[in-house]
Protein backbone atom coordinates (compact mmCIF):
# COMPACT_ATOMS: atom_id res chain seq x y z
CA UNK A 1 1.79 16.26 -48.72
CA UNK A 2 4.52 17.09 -50.56
CA UNK A 3 7.17 16.92 -47.32
CA UNK A 4 7.19 14.49 -44.85
CA UNK A 5 10.14 13.54 -42.66
CA UNK A 6 10.67 12.03 -39.24
CA UNK A 7 12.41 9.76 -36.88
CA UNK A 8 11.31 6.10 -35.67
CA UNK A 9 8.45 6.81 -32.83
CA UNK A 10 10.09 6.02 -29.34
CA UNK A 11 13.55 8.29 -30.40
CA UNK A 12 14.30 10.55 -27.47
CA UNK A 13 15.24 13.43 -29.54
CA UNK A 14 13.35 13.73 -32.50
CA UNK A 15 11.93 16.44 -34.90
CA UNK A 16 8.89 15.86 -37.01
CA UNK A 17 8.25 17.82 -40.10
CA UNK A 18 5.26 18.04 -42.37
CA UNK A 19 3.96 20.56 -44.96
CA UNK A 20 0.50 20.52 -45.87
CA UNK A 21 -1.33 21.64 -48.72
CA UNK A 22 -0.10 20.61 -52.64
CA UNK A 23 1.49 22.17 -54.94
CA UNK A 24 -1.30 23.65 -56.81
CA UNK A 25 -2.66 25.02 -53.05
CA UNK A 26 0.73 26.70 -52.08
CA UNK A 27 0.43 30.08 -51.57
CA UNK A 28 -3.19 30.13 -50.28
CA UNK A 29 -3.97 32.06 -47.14
CA UNK A 30 -5.15 30.08 -44.15
CA UNK A 31 -6.11 32.35 -41.07
CA UNK A 32 -3.72 34.75 -42.37
CA UNK A 33 -0.45 32.00 -42.92
CA UNK A 34 0.36 30.21 -46.04
CA UNK A 35 -0.61 26.70 -46.68
CA UNK A 36 3.35 25.75 -47.39
CA UNK A 37 4.34 26.58 -44.18
CA UNK A 38 6.56 24.06 -42.64
CA UNK A 39 5.62 23.24 -39.09
CA UNK A 40 8.31 21.75 -36.67
CA UNK A 41 7.53 19.75 -33.40
CA UNK A 42 10.38 19.19 -31.02
CA UNK A 43 9.78 16.04 -29.21
CA UNK A 44 11.94 15.67 -25.93
CA UNK A 45 11.46 13.29 -23.44
CA UNK A 46 11.60 14.77 -20.52
CA UNK A 47 9.35 14.79 -17.38
CA UNK A 48 7.09 17.65 -18.88
CA UNK A 49 7.37 16.49 -22.39
CA UNK A 50 3.81 15.20 -23.01
CA UNK A 51 2.51 19.13 -21.39
CA UNK A 52 4.96 20.51 -24.06
CA UNK A 53 3.95 17.86 -26.73
CA UNK A 54 0.39 19.22 -26.26
CA UNK A 55 1.52 23.26 -26.52
CA UNK A 56 2.68 22.60 -29.81
CA UNK A 57 0.23 20.41 -30.95
CA UNK A 58 -2.03 23.71 -30.04
CA UNK A 59 0.04 25.81 -32.52
CA UNK A 60 0.01 24.04 -35.14
CA UNK A 61 -3.46 22.73 -35.64
CA UNK A 62 -4.44 26.16 -35.52
CA UNK A 63 -3.09 26.45 -38.93
CA UNK A 64 -4.20 23.00 -40.25
CA UNK A 65 -8.10 22.96 -40.84
CA UNK A 66 -9.95 19.68 -40.98
CA UNK A 67 -9.60 19.21 -44.60
CA UNK A 68 -5.91 19.16 -44.30
CA UNK A 69 -6.95 15.43 -41.95
CA UNK A 70 -4.33 13.39 -44.24
CA UNK A 71 -1.17 15.48 -43.07
CA UNK A 72 -2.54 15.11 -39.29
CA UNK A 73 -2.90 11.74 -39.22
CA UNK A 74 0.69 11.60 -40.67
CA UNK A 75 2.05 13.61 -37.58
CA UNK A 76 0.13 11.94 -35.38
CA UNK A 77 1.07 8.26 -36.56
CA UNK A 78 4.99 9.64 -36.05
CA UNK A 79 4.69 10.71 -32.27
CA UNK A 80 5.81 8.57 -29.55
CA UNK A 81 3.03 9.21 -27.17
CA UNK A 82 -0.60 7.84 -27.41
CA UNK A 83 -2.71 9.75 -29.94
CA UNK A 84 -6.45 9.85 -30.16
CA UNK A 85 -8.86 11.45 -32.54
CA UNK A 86 -12.48 11.48 -32.31
CA UNK A 87 -15.48 12.55 -33.83
CA UNK A 88 -17.76 15.28 -33.04
CA UNK A 89 -20.09 12.36 -31.67
CA UNK A 90 -16.96 11.66 -29.32
CA UNK A 91 -16.23 8.52 -31.49
CA UNK A 92 -13.08 7.07 -32.84
CA UNK A 93 -11.85 7.89 -35.88
CA UNK A 94 -8.39 7.36 -35.43
CA UNK A 95 -5.71 6.27 -33.33
CA UNK A 96 -1.68 6.22 -33.40
CA UNK A 97 0.47 3.03 -32.72
CA UNK A 98 1.21 4.43 -29.30
CA UNK A 99 -2.33 4.01 -28.82
CA UNK A 100 -2.32 0.86 -29.95
CA UNK A 101 0.68 0.04 -28.10
CA UNK A 102 -0.85 1.33 -24.55
CA UNK A 103 -4.48 -0.47 -24.84
CA UNK A 104 -4.15 -3.35 -27.38
CA UNK A 105 -6.80 -2.96 -29.58
CA UNK A 106 -5.85 -2.16 -33.56
CA UNK A 107 -7.25 0.46 -35.33
CA UNK A 108 -9.84 -1.94 -37.22
CA UNK A 109 -11.38 -3.01 -34.24
CA UNK A 110 -11.68 0.86 -32.44
CA UNK A 111 -13.02 2.66 -35.74
CA UNK A 112 -16.69 4.29 -34.88
CA UNK A 113 -17.01 3.10 -31.35
CA UNK A 114 -17.05 5.20 -27.79
CA UNK A 115 -14.05 5.01 -26.08
CA UNK A 116 -16.80 4.16 -22.98
CA UNK A 117 -17.54 0.51 -24.80
CA UNK A 118 -14.11 -0.51 -25.27
CA UNK A 119 -11.20 1.73 -23.13
CA UNK A 120 -13.23 3.44 -20.02
CA UNK A 121 -14.50 1.62 -17.19
CA UNK A 122 -18.31 1.66 -16.67
CA UNK A 123 -16.96 3.24 -12.84
CA UNK A 124 -14.97 6.30 -14.60
CA UNK A 125 -17.25 6.70 -17.55
CA UNK A 126 -19.88 9.13 -15.96
CA UNK A 127 -16.53 11.57 -15.66
CA UNK A 128 -15.31 10.80 -18.88
CA UNK A 129 -18.38 11.91 -20.67
CA UNK A 130 -18.50 14.78 -18.29
CA UNK A 131 -14.74 16.13 -19.19
CA UNK A 132 -15.79 15.27 -23.23
CA UNK A 133 -19.04 17.88 -22.44
CA UNK A 134 -16.81 20.28 -21.14
CA UNK A 135 -14.53 20.20 -24.27
CA UNK A 136 -17.30 20.79 -25.99
CA UNK A 137 -18.00 24.04 -25.09
CA UNK A 138 -14.16 24.99 -26.13
CA UNK A 139 -12.20 23.90 -22.93
CA UNK A 140 -9.01 22.33 -22.86
CA UNK A 141 -8.87 19.38 -20.18
CA UNK A 142 -6.21 17.54 -18.46
CA UNK A 143 -7.62 15.02 -16.53
CA UNK A 144 -6.12 11.46 -15.09
CA UNK A 145 -8.28 8.47 -16.26
CA UNK A 146 -8.16 4.65 -15.01
CA UNK A 147 -8.73 3.31 -18.56
CA UNK A 148 -8.69 -0.29 -19.61
CA UNK A 149 -6.41 -2.30 -22.02
CA UNK A 150 -7.94 -5.30 -24.28
CA UNK A 151 -6.63 -7.78 -22.06
CA UNK A 152 -8.09 -6.29 -19.05
CA UNK A 153 -5.16 -4.71 -17.34
CA UNK A 154 -5.56 -1.25 -15.85
CA UNK A 155 -3.39 1.88 -16.82
CA UNK A 156 -3.79 4.93 -15.21
CA UNK A 157 -3.67 7.32 -18.18
CA UNK A 158 -3.13 11.08 -18.42
CA UNK A 159 -5.59 12.61 -21.13
CA UNK A 160 -5.02 15.65 -22.84
CA UNK A 161 -7.75 16.63 -24.51
CA UNK A 162 -7.86 19.59 -27.34
CA UNK A 163 -11.34 20.42 -29.95
CA UNK A 164 -10.45 21.07 -33.37
CA UNK A 165 -12.58 23.32 -35.24
CA UNK A 166 -13.29 23.75 -39.09
CA UNK A 167 -14.72 27.21 -39.48
CA UNK A 168 -15.39 26.68 -43.26
CA UNK A 169 -17.09 23.43 -43.01
CA UNK A 170 -18.59 23.55 -39.27
CA UNK A 171 -17.28 20.79 -38.02
CA UNK A 172 -15.05 19.60 -35.00
CA UNK A 173 -13.09 16.52 -34.15
CA UNK A 174 -11.41 16.10 -30.87
CA UNK A 175 -7.77 15.27 -30.34
CA UNK A 176 -6.68 13.27 -27.07
CA UNK A 177 -3.32 12.92 -26.47
CA UNK A 178 -2.58 10.05 -23.83
CA UNK A 179 0.44 8.84 -21.47
CA UNK A 180 0.31 6.23 -19.78
CA UNK A 181 1.68 6.87 -16.42
CA UNK A 182 0.91 3.31 -14.59
CA UNK A 183 4.38 2.88 -13.92
CA UNK A 184 4.82 6.58 -12.14
CA UNK A 185 1.95 5.86 -10.42
CA UNK A 186 2.66 2.83 -8.98
CA UNK A 187 6.44 4.33 -8.05
CA UNK A 188 4.49 6.77 -6.02
CA UNK A 189 2.53 4.61 -4.11
CA UNK A 190 5.34 2.38 -3.26
CA UNK A 191 7.19 5.25 -2.18
CA UNK A 192 4.42 6.77 0.13
CA UNK A 193 3.98 3.04 1.36
CA UNK A 194 7.26 2.68 2.26
CA UNK A 195 7.50 6.19 4.34
CA UNK A 196 4.48 5.38 6.01
CA UNK A 197 5.88 2.10 7.55
CA UNK A 198 9.07 3.17 8.07
CA UNK A 199 7.55 5.39 10.28
CA UNK A 200 5.18 2.87 11.84
CA UNK A 201 8.63 0.88 12.58
CA UNK A 202 9.35 4.00 14.62
CA UNK A 203 6.34 4.17 16.36
CA UNK A 204 6.71 0.60 17.38
CA UNK A 205 10.26 0.81 18.70
CA UNK A 206 9.32 4.08 20.62
CA UNK A 207 7.03 2.11 22.22
CA UNK A 208 8.73 -0.41 23.11
CA UNK A 209 11.84 1.08 24.48
CA UNK A 210 9.66 3.72 26.05
CA UNK A 211 6.99 1.57 27.99
CA UNK A 212 7.47 -1.42 30.48
CA UNK A 213 3.54 -2.27 29.72
CA UNK A 214 3.81 -5.36 27.90
CA UNK A 215 -0.24 -4.58 26.87
CA UNK A 216 0.79 -0.93 25.32
CA UNK A 217 3.29 -1.88 23.49
CA UNK A 218 1.35 -5.14 22.27
CA UNK A 219 -1.74 -2.96 21.73
CA UNK A 220 0.87 -0.64 19.43
CA UNK A 221 2.31 -3.61 17.39
CA UNK A 222 -1.71 -4.13 16.37
CA UNK A 223 -2.40 -0.72 15.57
CA UNK A 224 0.54 -0.43 13.26
CA UNK A 225 0.29 -3.47 11.72
CA UNK A 226 -3.39 -3.16 11.10
CA UNK A 227 -3.27 0.32 9.32
CA UNK A 228 0.21 -0.86 7.40
CA UNK A 229 -0.94 -4.60 5.99
CA UNK A 230 -4.39 -3.82 5.58
CA UNK A 231 -5.94 -6.75 7.60
CA UNK A 232 -9.15 -6.95 9.53
CA UNK A 233 -8.06 -8.27 12.44
CA UNK A 234 -4.87 -9.38 14.12
CA UNK A 235 -3.86 -11.36 17.33
CA UNK A 236 -0.83 -11.93 19.54
CA UNK A 237 -0.70 -15.40 20.77
CA UNK A 238 2.43 -15.69 23.52
CA UNK A 239 4.35 -18.87 24.19
CA UNK A 240 4.36 -19.90 27.71
CA UNK A 241 7.36 -22.28 28.18
CA UNK A 242 6.21 -23.83 31.65
CA UNK A 243 2.66 -24.86 30.57
CA UNK A 244 4.28 -25.65 26.54
CA UNK A 245 1.40 -23.34 25.39
CA UNK A 246 0.17 -20.30 23.13
CA UNK A 247 -2.07 -17.94 25.13
CA UNK A 248 -3.85 -15.40 23.69
CA UNK A 249 -2.13 -12.05 24.78
CA UNK A 250 -4.00 -9.24 22.78
CA UNK A 251 -6.20 -8.49 19.52
CA UNK A 252 -7.94 -6.05 17.41
CA UNK A 253 -10.65 -6.07 14.91
CA UNK A 254 -12.23 -9.08 16.41
CA UNK A 255 -16.24 -9.37 16.27
CA UNK A 256 -16.63 -11.51 19.24
CA UNK A 257 -14.79 -13.07 22.47
CA UNK A 258 -13.59 -16.33 20.59
CA UNK A 259 -10.02 -16.17 20.06
CA UNK A 260 -9.61 -14.65 23.39
CA UNK A 261 -9.86 -18.45 24.78
CA UNK A 262 -7.47 -19.67 22.19
CA UNK A 263 -4.81 -21.78 24.51
CA UNK A 264 -2.72 -24.49 21.78
CA UNK A 265 0.03 -26.44 22.24
CA UNK A 266 3.01 -26.54 19.61
CA UNK A 267 2.21 -27.95 16.67
CA UNK A 268 -1.64 -27.78 17.06
CA UNK A 269 -3.47 -25.88 14.58
CA UNK A 270 -1.86 -23.09 12.79
CA UNK A 271 -0.49 -21.31 15.28
CA UNK A 272 1.09 -24.15 16.47
CA UNK A 273 2.46 -25.22 13.63
CA UNK A 274 4.04 -21.68 12.96
CA UNK A 275 5.60 -21.94 16.15
CA UNK A 276 7.44 -25.46 15.44
CA UNK A 277 7.93 -25.03 11.90
CA UNK A 278 9.44 -21.26 12.48
CA UNK A 279 7.82 -20.22 8.91
CA UNK A 280 4.87 -18.56 7.90
CA UNK A 281 1.60 -20.18 7.68
CA UNK A 282 -0.47 -19.16 4.37
CA UNK A 283 -3.91 -19.85 4.06
CA UNK A 284 -5.84 -17.68 1.24
CA UNK A 285 -9.09 -19.68 1.60
CA UNK A 286 -10.38 -21.06 5.08
CA UNK A 287 -13.57 -21.59 3.47
CA UNK A 288 -12.42 -24.86 3.12
CA UNK A 289 -9.96 -25.55 6.56
CA UNK A 290 -11.88 -23.73 9.17
CA UNK A 291 -12.10 -27.05 10.65
CA UNK A 292 -8.66 -27.07 10.75
CA UNK A 293 -8.24 -23.53 11.98
CA UNK A 294 -10.29 -23.80 14.91
CA UNK A 295 -13.18 -26.06 16.46
CA UNK A 296 -15.61 -23.45 18.13
CA UNK A 297 -19.02 -22.86 16.36
CA UNK A 298 -18.76 -19.17 16.78
CA UNK A 299 -15.71 -19.06 14.54
CA UNK A 300 -17.47 -18.67 11.41
CA UNK A 301 -19.53 -15.04 13.05
CA UNK A 302 -16.01 -13.37 12.48
CA UNK A 303 -15.97 -14.36 8.56
CA UNK A 304 -12.62 -14.94 8.34
CA UNK A 305 -11.62 -15.92 4.69
CA UNK A 306 -8.23 -15.69 4.31
CA UNK A 307 -5.39 -16.28 7.61
CA UNK A 308 -1.91 -15.36 7.55
CA UNK A 309 0.27 -16.75 10.64
CA UNK A 310 4.09 -15.63 11.56
CA UNK A 311 5.97 -16.82 14.02
CA UNK A 312 7.76 -14.25 17.04
CA UNK A 313 11.01 -15.29 17.11
CA UNK A 314 13.73 -13.42 19.10
CA UNK A 315 17.67 -14.76 20.21
CA UNK A 316 16.42 -18.05 18.54
CA UNK A 317 13.18 -18.80 20.69
CA UNK A 318 9.76 -18.75 20.30
CA UNK A 319 8.00 -16.19 21.74
CA UNK A 320 4.55 -16.42 20.13
CA UNK A 321 2.99 -15.70 16.71
CA UNK A 322 1.56 -12.82 15.29
CA UNK A 323 -2.06 -14.22 13.60
CA UNK A 324 -3.06 -11.79 10.45
CA UNK A 325 -7.87 -12.23 9.65
CA UNK A 326 -8.90 -11.35 6.42
CA UNK A 327 -12.32 -10.95 5.97
CA UNK A 328 -12.48 -11.06 2.40
CA UNK A 329 -10.21 -13.17 0.25
CA UNK A 330 -6.78 -12.29 0.05
CA UNK A 331 -3.46 -13.30 -1.78
CA UNK A 332 -0.39 -11.10 -0.43
CA UNK A 333 2.56 -10.41 -2.70
CA UNK A 334 6.62 -10.92 -1.43
CA UNK A 335 6.73 -7.04 -0.27
CA UNK A 336 3.60 -7.92 2.45
CA UNK A 337 4.70 -10.88 3.20
CA UNK A 338 8.07 -9.35 4.21
CA UNK A 339 6.69 -6.58 5.93
CA UNK A 340 4.56 -9.33 7.85
CA UNK A 341 7.86 -10.78 8.98
CA UNK A 342 9.29 -7.25 10.13
CA UNK A 343 6.34 -6.73 12.35
CA UNK A 344 6.61 -9.67 13.77
CA UNK A 345 10.62 -9.34 14.82
CA UNK A 346 9.48 -6.19 16.59
CA UNK A 347 6.65 -7.89 18.45
CA UNK A 348 8.87 -11.07 19.61
CA UNK A 349 11.21 -8.05 20.71
CA UNK A 350 8.82 -6.40 22.72
CA UNK A 351 8.03 -9.98 24.21
CA UNK A 352 11.21 -10.96 24.86
CA UNK A 353 11.69 -7.55 26.69
CA UNK A 354 8.83 -8.15 28.62
CA UNK A 355 9.79 -11.07 29.76
CA UNK A 356 13.14 -9.86 30.59
CA UNK A 357 11.55 -7.32 33.24
CA UNK A 358 9.06 -9.37 34.60
CA UNK A 359 11.79 -12.51 35.10
CA UNK A 360 14.02 -9.30 36.45
CA UNK A 361 10.79 -8.32 39.01
CA UNK A 362 10.21 -11.97 40.08
CA UNK A 363 13.88 -12.75 40.78
CA UNK A 364 14.37 -9.36 42.68
CA UNK A 365 11.00 -10.40 44.35
CA UNK A 366 12.89 -14.03 45.44
CA UNK A 367 16.40 -12.41 46.48
CA UNK A 368 14.62 -10.26 48.74
CA UNK A 369 12.37 -12.94 50.35
CA UNK A 370 15.07 -14.57 50.76
CA UNK A 371 17.12 -11.99 52.85
CA UNK A 372 14.47 -12.09 54.91
CA UNK A 373 14.22 -15.48 55.39
CA UNK A 374 18.15 -15.30 56.25
CA UNK A 375 17.93 -12.50 58.70
CA UNK A 376 14.96 -14.30 60.63
CA UNK A 377 16.94 -17.92 60.83
CA UNK A 378 20.19 -16.09 61.96
CA UNK A 379 18.30 -14.23 64.77
CA UNK A 380 16.20 -17.74 65.58
CA UNK A 381 19.64 -19.09 66.20
CA UNK A 382 21.08 -16.29 68.77
CA UNK A 383 17.88 -16.91 70.44
CA UNK A 384 18.72 -20.75 70.94
CA UNK A 385 22.44 -20.14 72.06
CA UNK A 386 20.98 -18.01 75.18
CA UNK A 387 17.68 -19.06 76.82
CA UNK A 388 17.95 -16.21 78.97
CA UNK A 389 17.89 -13.84 75.96
CA UNK A 390 15.05 -15.99 73.38
CA UNK A 391 13.12 -13.67 72.04
CA UNK A 392 15.46 -10.72 72.73
CA UNK A 393 16.31 -10.24 69.07
CA UNK A 394 12.70 -10.54 68.21
CA UNK A 395 11.77 -7.70 70.99
CA UNK A 396 14.17 -5.30 69.87
CA UNK A 397 12.95 -5.40 66.30
CA UNK A 398 9.57 -4.51 67.18
CA UNK A 399 9.99 -1.90 69.50
CA UNK A 400 12.79 -0.94 66.76
CA UNK A 401 9.49 -0.74 64.07
CA UNK A 402 6.91 0.57 66.62
CA UNK A 403 9.68 3.47 67.45
CA UNK A 404 10.22 4.44 63.53
CA UNK A 405 6.57 4.46 62.52
CA UNK A 406 6.25 6.73 65.54
CA UNK A 407 8.40 9.22 64.11
CA UNK A 408 6.93 8.76 60.33
CA UNK A 409 10.14 7.18 59.30
CA UNK A 410 9.46 5.28 55.81
CA UNK A 411 10.10 1.71 54.86
């Protein structure tokens, strides 16, 4: 190679140029173009720079038979994206420093090995092999394939495959341009999850404001909880202040009725501890704590492995607890726990509203009964003042009721 220049990989705006063919070969025609032709590649860090890079690579490679592989390798070495060169049997021939940074293997560790041996998980190997076979027939392929690095971490990579042919030698190679899009995928997934959770909170708010049925509201809370937090079962225990106990109010995902019999005092069991301490209780491994959790020979039939419980607090008072059950070992992240507590806050509001409504109904009933009792007392007082008119008020009242009933007057 007579002329080579370029900036270090990773520069957001870099021009790479190469001139293939030595001085003795200059001027020789290659597919109608001179071998001394200088090809330049502008790499821009934009959203679609990989697709642009792929297009430019195809334009360049049509002028570069495999006999100029040294020039190709130098070009790939300078590129800021992962570039992998495979032989006709799809074994590694080369990959550049950017690919080494993605997957963690150095060049000597991968030479002569198939991608499925190192960076393609077994579950994705069939899809990868099918893609390679399509490329063998000349098809250009772009695929998002989950790949694995040397340290075992999974990466979602966008693979751009291009077949390189050398008609004179009857050989072919495969160039794969690889972009790690794990961060982009995770960001998109997080945004989607946040939108879904906002919709879930909206549904709960609508239920709280639009329904006076306590059970309907709690069922909607549990439905959204199971959907958004991917738990296997959920239970709401409501605190009964006069009795000082937590009682089962609603549940979803249960296989048996054993949890419906729950009745715990504050401080008793994990739910009682959550209510007393007013903080989340976390039990990632129930296998060693089942006796502490529930003294029931039928509890094991539920198959729960992990347990989490959040207290339901409204206006500074405990209204109950929300329990989360998982049938596989589960260790949540901070985002999961934050939303779990948010759902708990919504459930506490629902319970508080229901209790306020029930208290209002009870107060209204008691007021009505007190009013009726007062009227009856006054009537008896009038009767006692005059023996000649004793019972007159009661008789007038009964007669008035019969008359109203006869003419269909509503009570």
